[in-house]
Structures are given as C-alpha cells and as structure tokens.
Amino acid sequence: MPSSTNPKSTPPTSTKASIIKAYGGRPNFQHSFGLKMTPDDLKEGDHIIETFLEQDRQIANEQKSS
C-alpha cells in the first residue's frame, strides 16, 4: 500500500461529489458561478464540474510523469 507521505505517490483526483461538497452543496456551487437551479443552468454547472475534473486528471498525469 503506497504511503500518503510519499512525494511520488499520485494524489487522489477529485470527484463530482467532492467538488460539490467543497462548495457546501449544489445550490451553493451553482450560486458561486452565477447559476440558478434551472435545468439549463444545472447543465452549465455540470460542464464546469467536468472541466474541473479534467484539469485534475491532467495535473495528476503530469505529476506521474515527473
């Protein structure tokens, strides 16, 4: 089992739930980006979350490579 203090270990990537939780829930997440809880704005919020997740994956891959 890898040590969590090992600098070469890959950091865990975020999940959709962890991102939403960091904002205190979906309504707070939406509000932080000027979005409402409407179907169209929820889709936009999902797009923002997917962008965050992709950035986390890219960072994790870069850290693995170095």
N, C-alpha and C. Protein backbone atom coordinates (compact mmCIF):
# COMPACT_ATOMS: atom_id res chain seq x y z
N MET A 1 0.84 -1.17 0.00
CA MET A 1 0.00 0.00 0.00
C MET A 1 0.89 1.24 0.00
N PRO A 2 0.66 2.19 -0.95
CA PRO A 2 1.51 3.36 -1.03
C PRO A 2 1.31 4.27 0.18
N SER A 3 2.38 4.89 0.57
CA SER A 3 2.34 5.82 1.70
C SER A 3 1.76 7.15 1.25
N SER A 4 0.92 7.75 2.09
CA SER A 4 0.35 9.04 1.73
C SER A 4 1.38 10.15 1.84
N THR A 5 2.51 9.88 2.49
CA THR A 5 3.55 10.90 2.61
C THR A 5 4.60 10.77 1.51
N ASN A 6 4.48 9.77 0.67
CA ASN A 6 5.42 9.57 -0.43
C ASN A 6 5.20 10.65 -1.48
N PRO A 7 6.19 11.51 -1.73
CA PRO A 7 6.00 12.59 -2.71
C PRO A 7 5.78 12.09 -4.13
N LYS A 8 6.18 10.86 -4.42
CA LYS A 8 5.99 10.33 -5.77
C LYS A 8 4.62 9.66 -5.93
N SER A 9 3.87 9.51 -4.84
CA SER A 9 2.56 8.89 -4.97
C SER A 9 1.61 9.84 -5.68
N THR A 10 0.70 9.28 -6.43
CA THR A 10 -0.25 10.08 -7.19
C THR A 10 -1.33 10.62 -6.26
N PRO A 11 -1.56 11.94 -6.30
CA PRO A 11 -2.61 12.48 -5.45
C PRO A 11 -3.97 12.02 -5.95
N PRO A 12 -4.90 11.85 -5.03
CA PRO A 12 -6.23 11.44 -5.49
C PRO A 12 -6.86 12.54 -6.33
N THR A 13 -7.57 12.15 -7.37
CA THR A 13 -8.25 13.15 -8.18
C THR A 13 -9.61 13.42 -7.58
N SER A 14 -10.14 14.58 -7.88
CA SER A 14 -11.45 14.97 -7.37
C SER A 14 -12.55 14.15 -8.02
N THR A 15 -13.68 14.13 -7.36
CA THR A 15 -14.89 13.54 -7.92
C THR A 15 -15.94 14.64 -8.00
N LYS A 16 -16.97 14.38 -8.77
CA LYS A 16 -18.06 15.35 -8.87
C LYS A 16 -18.61 15.66 -7.48
N ALA A 17 -18.81 14.62 -6.69
CA ALA A 17 -19.36 14.80 -5.34
C ALA A 17 -18.42 15.62 -4.46
N SER A 18 -17.11 15.38 -4.56
CA SER A 18 -16.18 16.12 -3.71
C SER A 18 -16.12 17.60 -4.09
N ILE A 19 -16.26 17.90 -5.36
CA ILE A 19 -16.28 19.30 -5.79
C ILE A 19 -17.52 19.99 -5.26
N ILE A 20 -18.67 19.36 -5.42
CA ILE A 20 -19.92 19.95 -4.94
C ILE A 20 -19.87 20.11 -3.43
N LYS A 21 -19.36 19.11 -2.72
CA LYS A 21 -19.27 19.17 -1.26
C LYS A 21 -18.38 20.32 -0.81
N ALA A 22 -17.30 20.58 -1.55
CA ALA A 22 -16.39 21.67 -1.20
C ALA A 22 -17.08 23.03 -1.23
N TYR A 23 -18.13 23.15 -2.01
CA TYR A 23 -18.89 24.39 -2.09
C TYR A 23 -20.07 24.41 -1.11
N GLY A 24 -20.24 23.34 -0.36
CA GLY A 24 -21.34 23.28 0.60
C GLY A 24 -22.65 22.81 0.01
N GLY A 25 -22.58 22.17 -1.15
CA GLY A 25 -23.77 21.63 -1.79
C GLY A 25 -23.99 22.23 -3.17
N ARG A 26 -24.88 21.60 -3.90
CA ARG A 26 -25.12 22.03 -5.29
C ARG A 26 -25.67 23.45 -5.39
N PRO A 27 -26.63 23.84 -4.54
CA PRO A 27 -27.12 25.22 -4.66
C PRO A 27 -26.00 26.25 -4.47
N ASN A 28 -25.12 26.03 -3.52
CA ASN A 28 -24.00 26.96 -3.30
C ASN A 28 -23.03 26.94 -4.48
N PHE A 29 -22.77 25.75 -5.03
CA PHE A 29 -21.90 25.65 -6.20
C PHE A 29 -22.49 26.48 -7.34
N GLN A 30 -23.76 26.26 -7.62
CA GLN A 30 -24.42 26.98 -8.71
C GLN A 30 -24.34 28.50 -8.48
N HIS A 31 -24.65 28.92 -7.26
CA HIS A 31 -24.65 30.34 -6.93
C HIS A 31 -23.25 30.95 -7.10
N SER A 32 -22.23 30.19 -6.76
CA SER A 32 -20.85 30.68 -6.87
C SER A 32 -20.49 31.06 -8.31
N PHE A 33 -21.16 30.45 -9.26
CA PHE A 33 -20.89 30.73 -10.67
C PHE A 33 -22.01 31.53 -11.32
N GLY A 34 -22.88 32.11 -10.49
CA GLY A 34 -23.96 32.93 -11.02
C GLY A 34 -25.04 32.13 -11.72
N LEU A 35 -25.15 30.86 -11.35
CA LEU A 35 -26.12 29.97 -11.98
C LEU A 35 -27.27 29.68 -11.03
N LYS A 36 -28.43 29.41 -11.60
CA LYS A 36 -29.61 29.05 -10.81
C LYS A 36 -29.79 27.54 -10.86
N MET A 37 -30.82 27.07 -10.21
CA MET A 37 -31.11 25.64 -10.17
C MET A 37 -32.10 25.24 -11.27
N THR A 38 -31.99 25.87 -12.42
CA THR A 38 -32.83 25.54 -13.56
C THR A 38 -32.15 24.44 -14.38
N PRO A 39 -32.91 23.71 -15.18
CA PRO A 39 -32.28 22.65 -15.98
C PRO A 39 -31.10 23.14 -16.84
N ASP A 40 -31.25 24.28 -17.50
CA ASP A 40 -30.15 24.78 -18.35
C ASP A 40 -28.94 25.17 -17.51
N ASP A 41 -29.17 25.83 -16.38
CA ASP A 41 -28.05 26.22 -15.53
C ASP A 41 -27.40 25.01 -14.87
N LEU A 42 -28.18 23.98 -14.54
CA LEU A 42 -27.60 22.76 -13.98
C LEU A 42 -26.68 22.09 -15.01
N LYS A 43 -27.07 22.11 -16.28
CA LYS A 43 -26.20 21.57 -17.33
C LYS A 43 -24.91 22.37 -17.41
N GLU A 44 -25.01 23.69 -17.30
CA GLU A 44 -23.81 24.53 -17.32
C GLU A 44 -22.93 24.23 -16.11
N GLY A 45 -23.56 24.03 -14.94
CA GLY A 45 -22.80 23.65 -13.75
C GLY A 45 -22.09 22.32 -13.94
N ASP A 46 -22.77 21.36 -14.56
CA ASP A 46 -22.14 20.07 -14.85
C ASP A 46 -20.93 20.24 -15.76
N HIS A 47 -21.04 21.14 -16.72
CA HIS A 47 -19.92 21.40 -17.63
C HIS A 47 -18.73 21.99 -16.86
N ILE A 48 -19.00 22.89 -15.94
CA ILE A 48 -17.94 23.47 -15.11
C ILE A 48 -17.27 22.38 -14.29
N ILE A 49 -18.06 21.50 -13.69
CA ILE A 49 -17.51 20.41 -12.88
C ILE A 49 -16.65 19.50 -13.75
N GLU A 50 -17.13 19.15 -14.94
CA GLU A 50 -16.35 18.30 -15.84
C GLU A 50 -15.02 18.96 -16.20
N THR A 51 -15.03 20.28 -16.37
CA THR A 51 -13.79 21.00 -16.66
C THR A 51 -12.83 20.89 -15.48
N PHE A 52 -13.34 21.05 -14.26
CA PHE A 52 -12.50 20.89 -13.06
C PHE A 52 -11.92 19.49 -13.00
N LEU A 53 -12.75 18.49 -13.27
CA LEU A 53 -12.28 17.10 -13.20
C LEU A 53 -11.20 16.83 -14.25
N GLU A 54 -11.37 17.36 -15.44
CA GLU A 54 -10.37 17.18 -16.50
C GLU A 54 -9.06 17.85 -16.11
N GLN A 55 -9.13 19.03 -15.53
CA GLN A 55 -7.91 19.71 -15.08
C GLN A 55 -7.21 18.89 -14.01
N ASP A 56 -7.97 18.33 -13.07
CA ASP A 56 -7.37 17.49 -12.03
C ASP A 56 -6.69 16.27 -12.64
N ARG A 57 -7.33 15.65 -13.64
CA ARG A 57 -6.73 14.48 -14.30
C ARG A 57 -5.42 14.86 -14.99
N GLN A 58 -5.42 16.00 -15.66
CA GLN A 58 -4.20 16.46 -16.34
C GLN A 58 -3.08 16.71 -15.34
N ILE A 59 -3.39 17.35 -14.23
CA ILE A 59 -2.38 17.62 -13.21
C ILE A 59 -1.84 16.32 -12.64
N ALA A 60 -2.73 15.37 -12.36
CA ALA A 60 -2.30 14.07 -11.82
C ALA A 60 -1.39 13.35 -12.81
N ASN A 61 -1.73 13.40 -14.09
CA ASN A 61 -0.90 12.76 -15.11
C ASN A 61 0.46 13.43 -15.24
N GLU A 62 0.49 14.75 -15.14
CA GLU A 62 1.76 15.47 -15.20
C GLU A 62 2.64 15.12 -14.00
N GLN A 63 2.03 14.98 -12.84
CA GLN A 63 2.79 14.64 -11.64
C GLN A 63 3.31 13.21 -11.71
N LYS A 64 2.55 12.33 -12.34
CA LYS A 64 3.01 10.95 -12.53
C LYS A 64 4.23 10.91 -13.44
N SER A 65 4.23 11.79 -14.45
CA SER A 65 5.30 11.80 -15.44
C SER A 65 6.60 12.37 -14.91
N SER A 66 6.51 13.22 -13.87
CA SER A 66 7.75 13.85 -13.39
C SER A 66 8.44 13.06 -12.32
